[in-house]
């Protein structure tokens, strides 16, 4: 019997990891966008760089700056596409489930990134009930 529980836990962990893939891609995208914003800020306002080193006025050759910006913009575009694909894939799998409460919990938790307490308030259930619904939802969710 313990082997079955270990197997279920392993399956649920795999399902959680899959569902968390959307949030992972979203965080990666945010980091890339922050990096691009920082590069742009440093180019337009080199005196704002707080690394303690003196910086030129920023009137040098723009080709290396433009190459960095172009590379980051391409990465961002690709990451946005990946995020959209992952979101749609997860949403389609959730929608195949039968129970509406389970669908809501998985959507709120993994696609909207809500905390358990927020989900409980939104769905008007106790925290404990949300955790139970989540457990059932994971069992019924298929990858």
Protein backbone atom coordinates (compact mmCIF):
# COMPACT_ATOMS: atom_id res chain seq x y z
CA UNK A 1 0.00 0.00 0.00
CA UNK A 2 2.87 2.40 0.74
CA UNK A 3 4.23 1.78 -2.75
CA UNK A 4 0.93 2.94 -4.23
CA UNK A 5 1.03 6.14 -2.12
CA UNK A 6 4.61 6.80 -3.20
CA UNK A 7 3.62 6.29 -6.82
CA UNK A 8 0.62 8.64 -6.46
CA UNK A 9 2.79 11.25 -4.80
CA UNK A 10 5.31 10.97 -7.59
CA UNK A 11 2.55 11.34 -10.18
CA UNK A 12 1.12 14.35 -8.34
CA UNK A 13 4.55 15.95 -8.09
CA UNK A 14 5.00 15.48 -11.84
CA UNK A 15 1.58 17.04 -12.44
CA UNK A 16 2.39 20.00 -10.16
CA UNK A 17 5.69 20.55 -11.95
CA UNK A 18 3.90 20.49 -15.30
CA UNK A 19 1.25 22.94 -14.09
CA UNK A 20 3.88 25.23 -12.58
CA UNK A 21 5.59 25.39 -15.98
CA UNK A 22 3.47 28.39 -16.95
CA UNK A 23 4.54 30.37 -13.90
CA UNK A 24 8.16 29.40 -14.48
CA UNK A 25 8.05 30.73 -18.04
CA UNK A 26 6.32 33.90 -16.77
CA UNK A 27 9.14 34.52 -14.27
CA UNK A 28 11.78 33.95 -16.96
CA UNK A 29 9.96 36.43 -19.22
CA UNK A 30 9.83 39.02 -16.43
CA UNK A 31 13.59 38.67 -15.87
CA UNK A 32 14.29 39.19 -19.58
CA UNK A 33 12.02 42.24 -19.69
CA UNK A 34 13.73 43.69 -16.61
CA UNK A 35 17.13 43.09 -18.17
CA UNK A 36 16.05 44.90 -21.34
CA UNK A 37 14.67 47.83 -19.34
CA UNK A 38 17.94 48.04 -17.39
CA UNK A 39 20.05 48.02 -20.57
CA UNK A 40 17.90 50.79 -22.05
CA UNK A 41 18.05 52.85 -18.87
CA UNK A 42 21.82 52.46 -18.67
CA UNK A 43 22.18 53.62 -22.27
CA UNK A 44 19.91 56.65 -21.92
CA UNK A 45 21.12 57.60 -18.47
CA UNK A 46 24.63 56.19 -17.88
CA UNK A 47 25.08 58.26 -14.73
CA UNK A 48 22.23 56.24 -13.17
CA UNK A 49 24.32 53.06 -13.12
CA UNK A 50 25.02 52.39 -9.46
CA UNK A 51 28.10 50.20 -9.71
CA UNK A 52 30.48 52.83 -8.31
CA UNK A 53 32.43 53.17 -11.56
CA UNK A 54 32.59 56.29 -13.72
CA UNK A 55 30.73 56.06 -17.03
CA UNK A 56 30.95 57.97 -20.29
CA UNK A 57 28.15 60.12 -21.62
CA UNK A 58 26.79 57.29 -23.73
CA UNK A 59 27.63 58.90 -27.08
CA UNK A 60 29.74 55.98 -28.27
CA UNK A 61 28.97 53.47 -31.01
CA UNK A 62 25.40 52.21 -30.78
CA UNK A 63 25.97 48.96 -32.66
CA UNK A 64 26.81 46.83 -29.60
CA UNK A 65 23.91 48.35 -27.69
CA UNK A 66 21.51 47.67 -30.56
CA UNK A 67 22.80 44.11 -30.91
CA UNK A 68 22.12 43.45 -27.20
CA UNK A 69 18.67 45.03 -27.43
CA UNK A 70 17.83 43.07 -30.58
CA UNK A 71 18.99 39.79 -29.03
CA UNK A 72 16.95 40.39 -25.87
CA UNK A 73 13.86 41.42 -27.84
CA UNK A 74 14.07 38.18 -29.84
CA UNK A 75 14.41 36.16 -26.62
CA UNK A 76 11.43 38.00 -25.13
CA UNK A 77 9.30 37.38 -28.20
CA UNK A 78 10.18 33.67 -28.18
CA UNK A 79 9.48 33.42 -24.43
CA UNK A 80 6.11 35.16 -24.88
CA UNK A 81 5.21 32.65 -27.56
CA UNK A 82 6.31 29.75 -25.32
CA UNK A 83 4.28 31.15 -22.44
CA UNK A 84 1.19 31.51 -24.60
CA UNK A 85 1.57 27.93 -25.86
CA UNK A 86 2.04 26.57 -22.33
CA UNK A 87 -0.94 28.54 -21.04
CA UNK A 88 -3.21 27.26 -23.80
CA UNK A 89 -1.98 23.69 -23.36
CA UNK A 90 -2.65 23.76 -19.60
CA UNK A 91 -6.00 25.51 -20.07
CA UNK A 92 -7.13 22.85 -22.58
CA UNK A 93 -6.17 20.04 -20.20
CA UNK A 94 -7.98 21.71 -17.30
CA UNK A 95 -11.11 22.24 -19.41
CA UNK A 96 -11.25 18.50 -20.16
CA UNK A 97 -11.92 17.85 -16.48
CA UNK A 98 -15.49 17.32 -15.34
CA UNK A 99 -15.69 19.04 -11.93
CA UNK A 100 -16.03 22.84 -12.12
CA UNK A 101 -14.54 23.40 -8.66
CA UNK A 102 -11.46 21.42 -9.60
CA UNK A 103 -11.13 23.41 -12.81
CA UNK A 104 -11.41 26.67 -10.89
CA UNK A 105 -8.82 25.69 -8.29
CA UNK A 106 -6.27 24.60 -10.91
CA UNK A 107 -6.90 27.70 -13.02
CA UNK A 108 -6.63 30.10 -10.09
CA UNK A 109 -3.55 28.40 -8.67
CA UNK A 110 -1.48 27.59 -11.74
CA UNK A 111 -2.59 30.02 -14.44
CA UNK A 112 -3.40 33.07 -12.33
CA UNK A 113 -0.80 32.37 -9.62
CA UNK A 114 -3.22 32.98 -6.74
CA UNK A 115 -2.44 31.96 -3.17
CA UNK A 116 -4.51 29.32 -1.41
CA UNK A 117 -6.13 31.91 0.84
CA UNK A 118 -7.12 34.07 -2.15
CA UNK A 119 -8.65 31.06 -3.88
CA UNK A 120 -10.61 30.17 -0.74
CA UNK A 121 -12.02 33.69 -0.52
CA UNK A 122 -12.83 33.86 -4.22
CA UNK A 123 -14.60 30.50 -4.22
CA UNK A 124 -16.17 31.05 -0.78
CA UNK A 125 -14.72 27.85 0.68
CA UNK A 126 -12.48 27.23 3.64
CA UNK A 127 -8.75 26.93 3.12
CA UNK A 128 -9.00 23.26 4.08
CA UNK A 129 -11.71 22.58 1.46
CA UNK A 130 -9.62 24.24 -1.23
CA UNK A 131 -6.68 21.96 -0.38
CA UNK A 132 -8.98 18.92 -0.60
CA UNK A 133 -10.38 20.06 -3.94
CA UNK A 134 -6.83 20.62 -5.16
CA UNK A 135 -5.85 17.07 -4.16
CA UNK A 136 -8.81 15.61 -6.04
CA UNK A 137 -8.09 17.87 -9.01
CA UNK A 138 -4.50 16.65 -9.23
CA UNK A 139 -5.70 13.05 -9.13
CA UNK A 140 -8.14 13.73 -11.98
CA UNK A 141 -5.76 15.90 -14.03
CA UNK A 142 -4.03 14.16 -16.91
CA UNK A 143 -0.84 15.18 -18.62
